[in-house]
Amino acid sequence: MELQNLKVQTREAQGKGGARRTRRAGEIPAVIYGEDKAPLTVRIEGRAFERITHGAMGEHALVQLDVADNPGMSGPALLKSVQHHPVRSHVIHADFLRIRLDERLHTQVPLVITGRAKGVVDGGILDQQLHEVEVECLALDVPEHIEVNVADLGIGESLHVSQITAPANVTIMTDADRTVIAVQAPRVAEAPAGEEEGKEPEVAGR
């Protein structure tokens, strides 16, 4: 996959106060670390960050960081974590991990369910228990998503990580025994308490 370009600026104001001023200006405070280089605090234009995280890789995006005022610190990076406000849910901080394009990395890739399970056609309920898997591969080989076809799943059946076909040059690291998706039997409404099948309920005064 092609790395998305993201322009950032170094951030001089440090600490919680500096971070608050950065957010008030419509920017997101972030830190870049890894590759035996000193951590670098930066600020990112809010809308540019949203465009990155609204892409196929979401909050695990792979980017080419362009540090406008310090080009020597530019390079490829993985969006490692995103911190959201506990109440308002907007982004308040981000961490980027420097990577090398010639070394394999670990990241999360979303799963996309395809096909209509035959169990659903028969009245069952689709229960997706896993929405992404961890993979190991080169940065440029990271897939935007991995498709999982559920057309053959019947009621009471499930599909596990071991049954997912990974793209070329990609290794799935998530536990092979984990359930990705299952088709549950339809829920049956319970009879009111005191009533039994085939028995007419008692009526007061009878």
Protein backbone atom coordinates (compact mmCIF):
# COMPACT_ATOMS: atom_id res chain seq x y z
CA MET A 1 0.00 0.00 0.00
CA GLU A 2 1.10 3.58 -0.55
CA LEU A 3 2.01 5.67 2.48
CA GLN A 4 -0.21 8.68 3.09
CA ASN A 5 1.56 12.03 3.35
CA LEU A 6 1.12 13.95 6.61
CA LYS A 7 2.70 17.34 7.27
CA VAL A 8 3.56 18.19 10.88
CA GLN A 9 5.36 21.01 12.72
CA THR A 10 7.60 20.72 15.75
CA ARG A 11 5.92 21.83 18.96
CA GLU A 12 7.88 24.10 21.27
CA ALA A 13 5.25 24.46 24.00
CA GLN A 14 5.61 21.42 26.25
CA GLY A 15 3.51 19.97 29.05
CA LYS A 16 -0.24 20.00 29.59
CA GLY A 17 -0.47 23.76 29.13
CA GLY A 18 1.28 23.63 25.78
CA ALA A 19 -0.92 20.75 24.65
CA ARG A 20 -4.06 22.69 25.56
CA ARG A 21 -2.89 25.72 23.58
CA THR A 22 -2.19 23.47 20.62
CA ARG A 23 -5.71 22.00 20.75
CA ARG A 24 -7.29 25.45 21.10
CA ALA A 25 -5.56 26.38 17.83
CA GLY A 26 -7.33 23.49 16.06
CA GLU A 27 -4.24 21.28 16.08
CA ILE A 28 -3.46 17.92 17.66
CA PRO A 29 -0.40 17.43 19.87
CA ALA A 30 1.59 14.30 19.03
CA VAL A 31 4.91 12.60 19.62
CA ILE A 32 7.15 10.69 17.20
CA TYR A 33 9.48 8.06 18.68
CA GLY A 34 11.51 4.97 17.78
CA GLU A 35 14.42 3.99 15.53
CA ASP A 36 16.94 5.01 18.23
CA LYS A 37 16.13 8.70 17.72
CA ALA A 38 15.09 11.15 20.40
CA PRO A 39 11.32 11.57 20.72
CA LEU A 40 10.01 14.58 18.84
CA THR A 41 6.92 16.50 19.96
CA VAL A 42 4.89 17.85 17.06
CA ARG A 43 1.55 19.42 16.22
CA ILE A 44 -0.76 18.36 13.40
CA GLU A 45 -3.48 20.35 11.68
CA GLY A 46 -6.74 18.78 12.90
CA ARG A 47 -8.44 18.33 9.54
CA ALA A 48 -5.34 16.73 8.03
CA PHE A 49 -5.27 14.22 10.89
CA GLU A 50 -8.96 13.44 10.40
CA ARG A 51 -8.39 12.69 6.71
CA ILE A 52 -5.72 10.16 7.68
CA THR A 53 -7.79 8.40 10.34
CA HIS A 54 -10.93 8.34 8.19
CA GLY A 55 -9.07 6.31 5.56
CA ALA A 56 -9.14 2.53 5.21
CA MET A 57 -6.52 1.94 7.95
CA GLY A 58 -8.26 4.21 10.44
CA GLU A 59 -6.28 4.74 13.63
CA HIS A 60 -3.55 2.32 12.49
CA ALA A 61 -2.60 4.42 9.45
CA LEU A 62 0.83 4.22 7.84
CA VAL A 63 2.14 7.66 6.92
CA GLN A 64 5.07 9.50 5.46
CA LEU A 65 5.69 12.23 8.02
CA ASP A 66 6.89 15.54 6.63
CA VAL A 67 8.35 17.58 9.49
CA ALA A 68 8.21 20.94 7.74
CA ASP A 69 10.61 22.80 10.04
CA ASN A 70 12.97 19.86 10.68
CA PRO A 71 13.31 17.78 7.47
CA GLY A 72 15.95 15.53 9.03
CA MET A 73 13.26 14.05 11.28
CA SER A 74 10.89 13.26 8.40
CA GLY A 75 10.24 9.66 7.41
CA PRO A 76 7.76 6.76 7.42
CA ALA A 77 5.80 6.08 10.60
CA LEU A 78 2.95 4.00 11.99
CA LEU A 79 0.12 5.67 13.90
CA LYS A 80 0.56 3.67 17.09
CA SER A 81 -2.09 5.09 19.39
CA VAL A 82 -4.76 7.77 19.50
CA GLN A 83 -6.06 9.26 22.73
CA HIS A 84 -9.66 10.51 22.80
CA HIS A 85 -11.37 12.85 25.24
CA PRO A 86 -13.22 10.62 27.75
CA VAL A 87 -16.50 12.53 27.37
CA ARG A 88 -16.48 14.40 24.07
CA SER A 89 -14.54 11.65 22.23
CA HIS A 90 -12.52 14.04 20.05
CA VAL A 91 -8.79 13.32 19.55
CA ILE A 92 -6.53 14.95 22.15
CA HIS A 93 -3.17 13.25 21.45
CA ALA A 94 -1.48 10.84 19.04
CA ASP A 95 1.67 8.69 19.06
CA PHE A 96 3.65 7.79 15.93
CA LEU A 97 6.27 5.03 15.77
CA ARG A 98 9.09 5.50 13.26
CA ILE A 99 9.44 2.50 10.95
CA ARG A 100 11.74 1.22 8.20
CA LEU A 101 10.31 0.17 4.88
CA ASP A 102 12.74 -2.78 4.65
CA GLU A 103 11.75 -4.28 8.03
CA ARG A 104 8.62 -6.24 8.93
CA LEU A 105 6.27 -4.59 11.39
CA HIS A 106 3.22 -5.52 13.46
CA THR A 107 -0.04 -3.64 13.03
CA GLN A 108 -3.81 -4.14 13.11
CA VAL A 109 -5.84 -4.64 9.91
CA PRO A 110 -9.66 -4.45 9.75
CA LEU A 111 -11.74 -7.43 8.67
CA VAL A 112 -14.45 -6.96 6.03
CA ILE A 113 -17.25 -9.54 6.02
CA THR A 114 -18.48 -10.60 2.56
CA GLY A 115 -21.30 -12.90 1.44
CA ARG A 116 -24.57 -13.68 3.21
CA ALA A 117 -24.37 -16.61 5.59
CA LYS A 118 -26.82 -19.39 4.76
CA GLY A 119 -27.62 -19.54 8.47
CA VAL A 120 -28.85 -15.95 8.31
CA VAL A 121 -31.04 -16.86 5.33
CA ASP A 122 -32.51 -19.59 7.55
CA GLY A 123 -33.30 -17.07 10.29
CA GLY A 124 -30.08 -17.09 12.32
CA ILE A 125 -28.28 -14.05 13.73
CA LEU A 126 -24.76 -13.05 12.61
CA ASP A 127 -22.47 -12.34 15.57
CA GLN A 128 -19.14 -10.74 14.63
CA GLN A 129 -16.75 -11.12 17.57
CA LEU A 130 -13.52 -9.91 15.96
CA HIS A 131 -13.26 -6.80 13.81
CA GLU A 132 -9.50 -6.69 13.16
CA VAL A 133 -6.44 -8.92 13.31
CA GLU A 134 -2.78 -8.31 14.02
CA VAL A 135 -0.49 -8.90 11.05
CA GLU A 136 3.25 -8.96 10.40
CA CYS A 137 4.64 -7.74 7.09
CA LEU A 138 6.59 -4.98 5.37
CA ALA A 139 4.96 -1.55 5.60
CA LEU A 140 4.20 -1.40 1.88
CA ASP A 141 2.57 -4.86 2.04
CA VAL A 142 0.07 -3.94 4.77
CA PRO A 143 -3.41 -4.58 3.29
CA GLU A 144 -6.13 -1.97 3.73
CA HIS A 145 -8.38 -4.80 4.95
CA ILE A 146 -8.76 -8.58 4.81
CA GLU A 147 -11.98 -10.06 3.43
CA VAL A 148 -13.75 -12.91 5.22
CA ASN A 149 -16.45 -14.76 3.26
CA VAL A 150 -19.20 -16.17 5.47
CA ALA A 151 -21.57 -17.51 2.79
CA ASP A 152 -21.14 -21.16 3.88
CA LEU A 153 -21.82 -20.60 7.60
CA GLY A 154 -24.95 -22.31 8.89
CA ILE A 155 -26.82 -21.86 12.17
CA GLY A 156 -24.61 -22.92 15.08
CA GLU A 157 -21.41 -22.68 13.02
CA SER A 158 -18.50 -20.28 13.45
CA LEU A 159 -15.42 -19.14 11.56
CA HIS A 160 -12.02 -18.82 13.26
CA VAL A 161 -8.85 -16.86 12.59
CA SER A 162 -7.19 -20.06 11.32
CA GLN A 163 -9.67 -20.08 8.42
CA ILE A 164 -8.75 -16.59 7.18
CA THR A 165 -6.64 -16.46 4.03
CA ALA A 166 -3.92 -13.82 4.41
CA PRO A 167 -2.67 -11.85 1.38
CA ALA A 168 0.75 -12.64 -0.07
CA ASN A 169 3.71 -11.74 2.17
CA VAL A 170 1.40 -11.16 5.15
CA THR A 171 1.37 -13.30 8.32
CA ILE A 172 -1.61 -13.17 10.68
CA MET A 173 -0.39 -13.05 14.29
CA THR A 174 -3.74 -13.15 16.12
CA ASP A 175 -4.46 -16.41 17.98
CA ALA A 176 -5.64 -18.92 15.36
CA ASP A 177 -8.34 -20.31 17.68
CA ARG A 178 -10.16 -17.00 18.16
CA THR A 179 -13.68 -16.83 16.77
CA VAL A 180 -14.17 -14.19 14.10
CA ILE A 181 -17.86 -14.65 13.44
CA ALA A 182 -20.64 -17.04 14.38
CA VAL A 183 -24.25 -17.63 13.35
CA GLN A 184 -26.46 -17.89 16.40
CA ALA A 185 -29.85 -19.60 16.49
CA PRO A 186 -32.78 -17.17 16.42
CA ARG A 187 -34.01 -16.11 19.84
CA VAL A 188 -37.36 -17.59 20.85
CA ALA A 189 -39.63 -15.52 23.07
CA GLU A 190 -40.19 -17.20 26.45
CA ALA A 191 -43.73 -18.13 27.50
CA PRO A 192 -45.15 -16.07 30.39
CA ALA A 193 -44.39 -17.52 33.82
CA GLY A 194 -46.89 -20.15 34.88
CA GLU A 195 -47.88 -21.09 31.34
CA GLU A 196 -46.90 -24.41 29.85
CA GLU A 197 -47.00 -25.44 26.26
CA GLY A 198 -50.38 -26.95 25.43
CA LYS A 199 -51.92 -25.93 28.79
CA GLU A 200 -54.63 -23.32 28.96
CA PRO A 201 -53.86 -20.63 31.58
CA GLU A 202 -56.10 -20.59 34.62
CA VAL A 203 -58.68 -17.83 34.90
CA ALA A 204 -59.60 -16.40 38.29
CA GLY A 205 -62.99 -17.56 39.49
CA ARG A 206 -63.15 -20.62 37.23
